[in-house]
Amino acid sequence: MVSEARRVIQFSTGNVGRHSLRAIIGRPDLQLVGVHASNPGKVGRDAAELCGWPDPTGVIATDDVDALLTLGADCVVYTSQGETRPMEAIEQMAGFLTAGVNVVATSMVWLVAPRQADGWLRDPLQQACEAGGTSLYVNGIDPGFSGDTEVYTALSLVTRARSITVQEIFDYANYDDYEFTGNAMGFGMPADAMESVMLFLPGVLTSMWGGPVRSLAGHLGIELDELRQRVEPWFATERIDCTMTTVEPGGMAAARFAVEGVRNGVPVITMEHINRLTAAAAPEWDYPPDGKTGVHRVLVEGEPRVEVNTHVSHPVYDTTDAGCMSTAARVVNVIDWVCRAPVGIVAVEDVPPVEMIRGLMW
């Protein structure tokens, strides 16, 4: 526990941001000093109201980024969706970094494996860190935990690995994010629209999950011959009504996609998603074990074979919401360390494991 609470700004209050906001308010080692909201309906409201905290905080949401820059915060928790507006997100993050404010983020998932990220993304943020003497850390649950911390744990239990499969298998029916996730994955769209689905376009999957695949290969000391992506939609035969969207017969109700790291013609590292909008969709594909609605799984074929299944749940929230809570935890829990970290963009392998759990019990 640090002797003085870190001064923190929460940037966005959406699916992940409202959970990180609630965590920041509750922790005695963090002090909320500012909240950014882009939705006009949230501007001017107390932070507590935006995340379901029982007591007012006196911190009022604003859409004025310049005003937030003047608060003298130690760190910004940046959870605003940036993958569809990367240049704007880079500019916002760089502004804080240059001003001397560290950033932890669940957005811009290309930076989960920062040493594999393209220069157009990495270089301006690295330069901003150097200008402000600050650090940037990006992580989440997937990409993030399942492809780094969980898979590292599984691999530590084998004497030899022949292949590695990292999976997210989740029912997204109750995930209220059609604006990005639903559109990007093509849920509800007919077969003749698949060529326009963002995640299915050539190179998009490898840009998002290729970095973690290459990073893992590098840690294993192996050279991959190529990265390749595969996608497979599943179309509904009956109407599906759910929180995510309404799917008419013939609309896509499940998607299976993967990035494969190939050596000698064989996939040796695979990062795969299987996402449905109903348990009845794609019955021939894998399901989470034990009747769960979601799992992050690592399978290592080796000596011995290892399978690690991570489930998240909550007595009130849906499993997808619990996943968003865990995504927030991946960055909120390392705020203090990032504030002490070497200048620049840091990766999960740079963070001592014990620094990810400090301050969790009070």
Protein backbone atom coordinates (compact mmCIF):
# COMPACT_ATOMS: atom_id res chain seq x y z
CA MET A 1 0.00 0.00 0.00
CA VAL A 2 1.35 3.41 -0.93
CA SER A 3 1.58 6.02 1.82
CA GLU A 4 -0.40 8.55 -0.19
CA ALA A 5 -3.35 7.76 -2.45
CA ARG A 6 -2.73 8.04 -6.19
CA ARG A 7 -4.80 10.76 -7.85
CA VAL A 8 -6.75 9.13 -10.70
CA ILE A 9 -8.95 10.24 -13.62
CA GLN A 10 -11.46 7.82 -15.14
CA PHE A 11 -11.79 8.36 -18.89
CA SER A 12 -15.18 7.00 -20.06
CA THR A 13 -17.97 5.27 -18.15
CA GLY A 14 -19.14 2.55 -20.54
CA ASN A 15 -19.16 -1.23 -20.17
CA VAL A 16 -15.65 -1.36 -18.69
CA GLY A 17 -15.34 2.22 -17.45
CA ARG A 18 -18.21 2.09 -14.98
CA HIS A 19 -16.57 -0.89 -13.28
CA SER A 20 -13.14 0.72 -13.13
CA LEU A 21 -14.79 3.92 -11.85
CA ARG A 22 -16.49 2.00 -9.04
CA ALA A 23 -13.21 0.27 -8.18
CA ILE A 24 -11.32 3.57 -8.03
CA ILE A 25 -13.93 5.15 -5.74
CA GLY A 26 -13.84 2.18 -3.39
CA ARG A 27 -10.09 1.74 -3.01
CA PRO A 28 -8.37 3.60 -0.16
CA ASP A 29 -5.09 3.72 -2.10
CA LEU A 30 -6.69 5.64 -5.00
CA GLN A 31 -8.36 9.06 -5.08
CA LEU A 32 -10.77 9.89 -7.88
CA VAL A 33 -10.16 13.46 -9.06
CA GLY A 34 -11.83 13.54 -12.46
CA VAL A 35 -14.22 11.71 -14.80
CA HIS A 36 -14.54 12.06 -18.56
CA ALA A 37 -17.83 11.34 -20.31
CA SER A 38 -18.52 11.86 -24.00
CA ASN A 39 -22.25 11.18 -23.69
CA PRO A 40 -24.08 14.50 -23.11
CA GLY A 41 -26.50 12.67 -20.84
CA LYS A 42 -23.65 11.82 -18.45
CA VAL A 43 -21.90 15.18 -18.41
CA GLY A 44 -22.64 17.10 -15.22
CA ARG A 45 -23.52 14.03 -13.16
CA ASP A 46 -21.71 12.83 -10.06
CA ALA A 47 -19.31 9.92 -10.60
CA ALA A 48 -21.21 7.87 -8.02
CA GLU A 49 -24.40 8.11 -10.04
CA LEU A 50 -22.59 6.87 -13.17
CA CYS A 51 -21.36 3.66 -11.56
CA GLY A 52 -23.98 2.86 -8.93
CA TRP A 53 -21.92 3.94 -5.92
CA PRO A 54 -24.19 4.72 -2.95
CA ASP A 55 -22.60 7.97 -1.77
CA PRO A 56 -21.91 11.12 -3.83
CA THR A 57 -18.23 11.76 -4.54
CA GLY A 58 -18.36 15.42 -5.48
CA VAL A 59 -16.49 14.56 -8.68
CA ILE A 60 -18.60 15.68 -11.64
CA ALA A 61 -18.27 14.17 -15.13
CA THR A 62 -17.03 16.49 -17.87
CA ASP A 63 -16.31 16.30 -21.58
CA ASP A 64 -13.58 18.95 -21.27
CA VAL A 65 -10.28 17.09 -21.78
CA ASP A 66 -8.23 20.25 -21.26
CA ALA A 67 -9.81 20.75 -17.84
CA LEU A 68 -8.86 17.20 -16.87
CA LEU A 69 -5.26 17.88 -17.92
CA THR A 70 -5.01 20.61 -15.29
CA LEU A 71 -5.99 18.41 -12.34
CA GLY A 72 -2.48 17.17 -11.57
CA ALA A 73 -3.51 13.51 -11.63
CA ASP A 74 -1.00 10.70 -11.28
CA CYS A 75 -2.79 8.40 -13.69
CA VAL A 76 -5.65 8.14 -16.19
CA VAL A 77 -7.66 4.94 -16.58
CA TYR A 78 -8.50 5.08 -20.28
CA THR A 79 -11.34 2.69 -21.14
CA SER A 80 -12.90 4.67 -23.97
CA GLN A 81 -13.38 2.50 -27.06
CA GLY A 82 -10.56 3.49 -29.40
CA GLU A 83 -10.27 0.77 -32.04
CA THR A 84 -12.70 2.53 -34.40
CA ARG A 85 -11.10 5.95 -33.82
CA PRO A 86 -7.42 5.17 -33.24
CA MET A 87 -5.94 8.54 -34.20
CA GLU A 88 -8.23 10.43 -31.82
CA ALA A 89 -7.49 7.94 -29.02
CA ILE A 90 -3.74 8.26 -29.61
CA GLU A 91 -4.03 12.04 -29.45
CA GLN A 92 -5.99 11.92 -26.18
CA MET A 93 -3.65 9.42 -24.53
CA ALA A 94 -0.56 11.25 -25.77
CA GLY A 95 -1.91 14.50 -24.37
CA PHE A 96 -2.04 13.07 -20.86
CA LEU A 97 1.33 11.33 -21.17
CA THR A 98 3.04 14.51 -22.40
CA ALA A 99 1.48 16.46 -19.53
CA GLY A 100 3.09 14.12 -16.99
CA VAL A 101 0.07 11.88 -16.35
CA ASN A 102 0.59 8.11 -16.59
CA VAL A 103 -2.00 6.08 -18.50
CA VAL A 104 -3.38 2.58 -17.99
CA ALA A 105 -5.82 1.48 -20.68
CA THR A 106 -8.07 -1.32 -21.85
CA SER A 107 -8.44 0.41 -25.22
CA MET A 108 -6.12 0.16 -28.24
CA VAL A 109 -5.68 -3.59 -27.84
CA TRP A 110 -2.82 -3.63 -30.35
CA LEU A 111 -0.68 -2.41 -27.46
CA VAL A 112 -1.33 -5.46 -25.27
CA ALA A 113 1.89 -6.72 -26.88
CA PRO A 114 3.55 -3.31 -27.37
CA ARG A 115 6.84 -4.60 -28.74
CA GLN A 116 4.89 -6.16 -31.62
CA ALA A 117 2.78 -3.06 -32.37
CA ASP A 118 3.20 -1.07 -35.59
CA GLY A 119 5.19 2.13 -35.48
CA TRP A 120 2.26 4.42 -36.40
CA LEU A 121 0.66 3.44 -33.11
CA ARG A 122 3.62 2.85 -30.83
CA ASP A 123 5.97 5.68 -31.79
CA PRO A 124 3.82 8.76 -30.97
CA LEU A 125 2.85 7.26 -27.62
CA GLN A 126 6.44 6.32 -26.78
CA GLN A 127 7.53 9.85 -27.68
CA ALA A 128 4.77 11.27 -25.48
CA CYS A 129 5.98 9.11 -22.57
CA GLU A 130 9.52 10.39 -23.02
CA ALA A 131 8.33 14.01 -23.21
CA GLY A 132 6.31 13.72 -20.02
CA GLY A 133 8.45 11.23 -18.09
CA THR A 134 5.47 8.90 -17.95
CA SER A 135 4.44 5.30 -18.59
CA LEU A 136 1.65 3.61 -20.56
CA TYR A 137 0.24 0.14 -19.93
CA VAL A 138 -2.50 -1.58 -21.94
CA ASN A 139 -4.15 -4.86 -21.00
CA GLY A 140 -7.50 -6.59 -20.54
CA ILE A 141 -8.97 -10.06 -20.33
CA ASP A 142 -8.83 -10.97 -24.06
CA PRO A 143 -6.62 -9.74 -25.63
CA GLY A 144 -4.69 -9.69 -22.39
CA PHE A 145 -5.00 -12.11 -19.49
CA SER A 146 -5.87 -15.26 -21.44
CA GLY A 147 -3.03 -14.76 -23.92
CA ASP A 148 -0.39 -13.75 -21.40
CA THR A 149 -0.89 -14.42 -17.67
CA GLU A 150 -3.13 -17.48 -18.05
CA VAL A 151 -1.10 -19.07 -20.83
CA TYR A 152 2.19 -18.37 -19.02
CA THR A 153 0.81 -20.17 -15.96
CA ALA A 154 -0.24 -23.19 -18.02
CA LEU A 155 3.12 -23.38 -19.79
CA SER A 156 4.99 -23.30 -16.49
CA LEU A 157 3.48 -26.72 -15.72
CA VAL A 158 4.90 -28.61 -18.71
CA THR A 159 8.35 -29.89 -19.55
CA ARG A 160 7.62 -29.73 -23.26
CA ALA A 161 4.89 -28.05 -25.29
CA ARG A 162 3.82 -29.18 -28.76
CA SER A 163 0.90 -26.80 -29.31
CA ILE A 164 -0.95 -24.08 -27.44
CA THR A 165 -4.57 -23.02 -27.87
CA VAL A 166 -5.98 -19.95 -26.12
CA GLN A 167 -9.77 -19.63 -26.30
CA GLU A 168 -12.53 -17.26 -25.31
CA ILE A 169 -15.85 -19.12 -25.43
CA PHE A 170 -18.65 -16.78 -24.42
CA ASP A 171 -22.36 -16.28 -24.88
CA TYR A 172 -22.68 -12.57 -25.74
CA ALA A 173 -26.50 -12.48 -25.67
CA ASN A 174 -26.61 -10.20 -22.60
CA TYR A 175 -23.64 -8.04 -23.60
CA ASP A 176 -24.99 -4.55 -24.26
CA ASP A 177 -22.47 -3.49 -26.90
CA TYR A 178 -23.90 -3.80 -30.37
CA GLU A 179 -22.36 -0.46 -31.36
CA PHE A 180 -18.86 -1.94 -31.44
CA THR A 181 -18.78 -5.66 -30.61
CA GLY A 182 -22.01 -6.56 -32.41
CA ASN A 183 -21.11 -4.64 -35.54
CA ALA A 184 -17.47 -5.71 -35.54
CA MET A 185 -18.40 -9.38 -35.27
CA GLY A 186 -21.34 -9.20 -37.68
CA PHE A 187 -24.05 -10.39 -35.31
CA GLY A 188 -27.46 -10.29 -36.97
CA MET A 189 -26.06 -9.72 -40.45
CA PRO A 190 -26.99 -11.98 -43.39
CA ALA A 191 -24.53 -14.18 -45.23
CA ASP A 192 -24.16 -11.77 -48.15
CA ALA A 193 -22.91 -9.06 -45.77
CA MET A 194 -20.04 -11.09 -44.30
CA GLU A 195 -17.46 -9.51 -46.61
CA SER A 196 -18.07 -6.16 -44.91
CA VAL A 197 -17.78 -7.39 -41.29
CA MET A 198 -14.80 -5.61 -39.72
CA LEU A 199 -13.24 -8.57 -37.93
CA PHE A 200 -13.56 -10.74 -41.01
CA LEU A 201 -11.67 -8.38 -43.32
CA PRO A 202 -8.22 -9.60 -44.41
CA GLY A 203 -5.58 -8.73 -41.86
CA VAL A 204 -7.85 -7.34 -39.14
CA LEU A 205 -7.69 -10.36 -36.84
CA THR A 206 -3.94 -10.69 -37.26
CA SER A 207 -3.54 -7.00 -36.43
CA MET A 208 -5.42 -7.48 -33.14
CA TRP A 209 -4.30 -10.95 -31.98
CA GLY A 210 -1.15 -11.37 -34.08
CA GLY A 211 0.92 -9.34 -31.63
CA PRO A 212 0.14 -11.64 -28.66
CA VAL A 213 0.81 -14.70 -30.85
CA ARG A 214 4.20 -13.34 -31.96
CA SER A 215 4.99 -12.22 -28.43
CA LEU A 216 4.30 -15.68 -27.02
CA ALA A 217 6.39 -17.27 -29.77
CA GLY A 218 9.24 -14.94 -28.88
CA HIS A 219 9.03 -15.86 -25.18
CA LEU A 220 9.09 -19.54 -26.19
CA GLY A 221 12.16 -18.95 -28.36
CA ILE A 222 10.55 -20.25 -31.56
CA GLU A 223 10.28 -18.76 -35.03
CA LEU A 224 6.94 -18.85 -36.79
CA ASP A 225 6.75 -19.30 -40.55
CA GLU A 226 3.53 -17.32 -40.86
CA LEU A 227 0.45 -15.94 -39.16
CA ARG A 228 -2.93 -16.77 -40.63
CA GLN A 229 -6.49 -16.00 -39.69
CA ARG A 230 -9.61 -18.10 -40.08
CA VAL A 231 -13.25 -17.16 -39.65
CA GLU A 232 -16.49 -19.11 -39.62
CA PRO A 233 -19.99 -17.64 -39.17
CA TRP A 234 -23.08 -19.57 -38.05
CA PHE A 235 -26.51 -18.40 -39.19
CA ALA A 236 -29.75 -18.61 -37.23
CA THR A 237 -32.70 -20.69 -38.38
CA GLU A 238 -35.09 -18.98 -35.93
CA ARG A 239 -35.51 -15.43 -34.62
CA ILE A 240 -33.35 -14.57 -31.60
CA ASP A 241 -34.19 -11.68 -29.27
CA CYS A 242 -31.46 -10.69 -26.83
CA THR A 243 -29.76 -7.66 -25.31
CA MET A 244 -27.03 -7.58 -27.94
CA THR A 245 -29.44 -7.40 -30.90
CA THR A 246 -32.36 -9.08 -32.64
CA VAL A 247 -31.32 -11.77 -35.12
CA GLU A 248 -33.77 -12.73 -37.84
CA PRO A 249 -33.62 -16.17 -39.51
CA GLY A 250 -30.59 -16.18 -41.78
CA GLY A 251 -28.71 -13.66 -39.64
CA MET A 252 -25.40 -14.50 -38.00
CA ALA A 253 -25.86 -15.76 -34.44
CA ALA A 254 -22.41 -17.18 -33.71
CA ALA A 255 -18.87 -16.63 -34.87
CA ARG A 256 -15.70 -18.67 -34.58
CA PHE A 257 -12.45 -16.98 -35.52
CA ALA A 258 -8.78 -17.42 -34.79
CA VAL A 259 -5.25 -16.28 -35.44
CA GLU A 260 -2.80 -19.14 -35.89
CA GLY A 261 0.96 -19.05 -35.57
CA VAL A 262 2.23 -21.68 -38.00
CA ARG A 263 5.51 -23.59 -37.97
CA ASN A 264 6.36 -26.28 -40.53
CA GLY A 265 2.82 -26.07 -41.87
CA VAL A 266 1.18 -26.80 -38.51
CA PRO A 267 -0.51 -24.31 -36.12
CA VAL A 268 1.50 -24.33 -32.90
CA ILE A 269 -0.01 -21.23 -31.24
CA THR A 270 -3.71 -20.52 -31.74
CA MET A 271 -5.78 -17.71 -30.25
CA GLU A 272 -9.44 -18.43 -30.91
CA HIS A 273 -12.83 -16.94 -30.11
CA ILE A 274 -16.17 -18.79 -30.10
CA ASN A 275 -18.96 -16.31 -29.43
CA ARG A 276 -22.69 -17.02 -29.53
CA LEU A 277 -25.93 -15.15 -28.96
CA THR A 278 -27.74 -18.23 -27.66
CA ALA A 279 -26.65 -21.59 -26.32
CA ALA A 280 -28.54 -23.22 -29.21
CA ALA A 281 -26.26 -21.60 -31.81
CA ALA A 282 -23.45 -23.59 -33.44
CA PRO A 283 -24.06 -26.75 -31.36
CA GLU A 284 -21.09 -28.51 -32.96
CA TRP A 285 -18.58 -25.95 -31.59
CA ASP A 286 -16.97 -26.06 -28.15
CA TYR A 287 -18.92 -24.89 -25.09
CA PRO A 288 -17.66 -23.75 -21.69
CA PRO A 289 -17.48 -26.63 -19.22
CA ASP A 290 -19.96 -27.25 -16.40
CA GLY A 291 -22.80 -25.35 -18.04
CA LYS A 292 -21.07 -21.98 -17.67
CA THR A 293 -21.90 -19.16 -20.08
CA GLY A 294 -18.32 -18.09 -20.56
CA VAL A 295 -14.75 -19.31 -20.16
CA HIS A 296 -11.22 -18.24 -20.95
CA ARG A 297 -9.36 -21.45 -21.60
CA VAL A 298 -5.78 -22.46 -22.31
CA LEU A 299 -4.98 -25.91 -23.71
CA VAL A 300 -1.36 -27.01 -23.87
CA GLU A 301 -0.66 -30.26 -25.66
CA GLY A 302 2.59 -31.43 -24.20
CA GLU A 303 4.17 -33.31 -21.37
CA PRO A 304 1.88 -33.34 -19.49
CA ARG A 305 -1.24 -32.02 -21.19
CA VAL A 306 -2.56 -28.99 -19.31
CA GLU A 307 -5.98 -27.37 -19.45
CA VAL A 308 -6.73 -24.19 -17.50
CA ASN A 309 -10.30 -22.83 -17.44
CA THR A 310 -10.98 -19.40 -15.97
CA HIS A 311 -14.59 -18.46 -15.17
CA VAL A 312 -15.71 -15.08 -13.89
CA SER A 313 -19.09 -14.52 -12.28
CA HIS A 314 -20.94 -12.15 -9.98
CA PRO A 315 -24.04 -12.49 -7.78
CA VAL A 316 -25.72 -9.50 -9.45
CA TYR A 317 -24.09 -8.90 -12.83
CA ASP A 318 -24.22 -11.11 -15.92
CA THR A 319 -21.11 -13.07 -16.86
CA THR A 320 -20.27 -10.63 -19.65
CA ASP A 321 -20.45 -7.79 -17.12
CA ALA A 322 -18.21 -9.78 -14.78
CA GLY A 323 -15.78 -10.09 -17.69
CA CYS A 324 -15.82 -6.30 -18.09
CA MET A 325 -15.13 -6.01 -14.36
CA SER A 326 -12.10 -8.29 -14.74
CA THR A 327 -10.96 -6.29 -17.76
CA ALA A 328 -11.01 -3.18 -15.57
CA ALA A 329 -9.11 -5.01 -12.82
CA ARG A 330 -6.25 -5.77 -15.19
CA VAL A 331 -5.35 -2.08 -15.33
CA VAL A 332 -6.73 -0.58 -12.10
CA ASN A 333 -4.70 -3.07 -10.06
CA VAL A 334 -1.38 -1.89 -11.49
CA ILE A 335 -1.89 1.87 -11.24
CA ASP A 336 0.61 2.32 -8.43
CA TRP A 337 3.28 0.26 -10.20
CA VAL A 338 2.76 2.07 -13.51
CA CYS A 339 3.23 5.37 -11.68
CA ARG A 340 6.64 4.05 -10.55
CA ALA A 341 7.52 2.23 -13.78
CA PRO A 342 10.35 3.09 -16.17
CA VAL A 343 9.42 5.75 -18.71
CA GLY A 344 7.76 4.39 -21.84
CA ILE A 345 5.25 1.76 -22.95
CA VAL A 346 5.37 -1.24 -20.64
CA ALA A 347 4.20 -4.80 -21.27
CA VAL A 348 2.69 -7.37 -18.94
CA GLU A 349 6.02 -9.21 -18.70
CA ASP A 350 7.56 -6.05 -17.23
CA VAL A 351 5.13 -6.02 -14.29
CA PRO A 352 6.18 -8.05 -11.24
CA PRO A 353 3.26 -10.41 -10.51
CA VAL A 354 2.94 -9.24 -6.90
CA GLU A 355 2.37 -5.68 -8.14
CA MET A 356 -0.89 -6.86 -9.77
CA ILE A 357 -2.45 -7.76 -6.44
CA ARG A 358 -1.41 -4.99 -4.07
CA GLY A 359 -4.21 -3.04 -2.44
CA LEU A 360 -6.93 -5.58 -3.24
CA MET A 361 -8.01 -6.28 0.34
CA TRP A 362 -9.15 -3.57 2.71
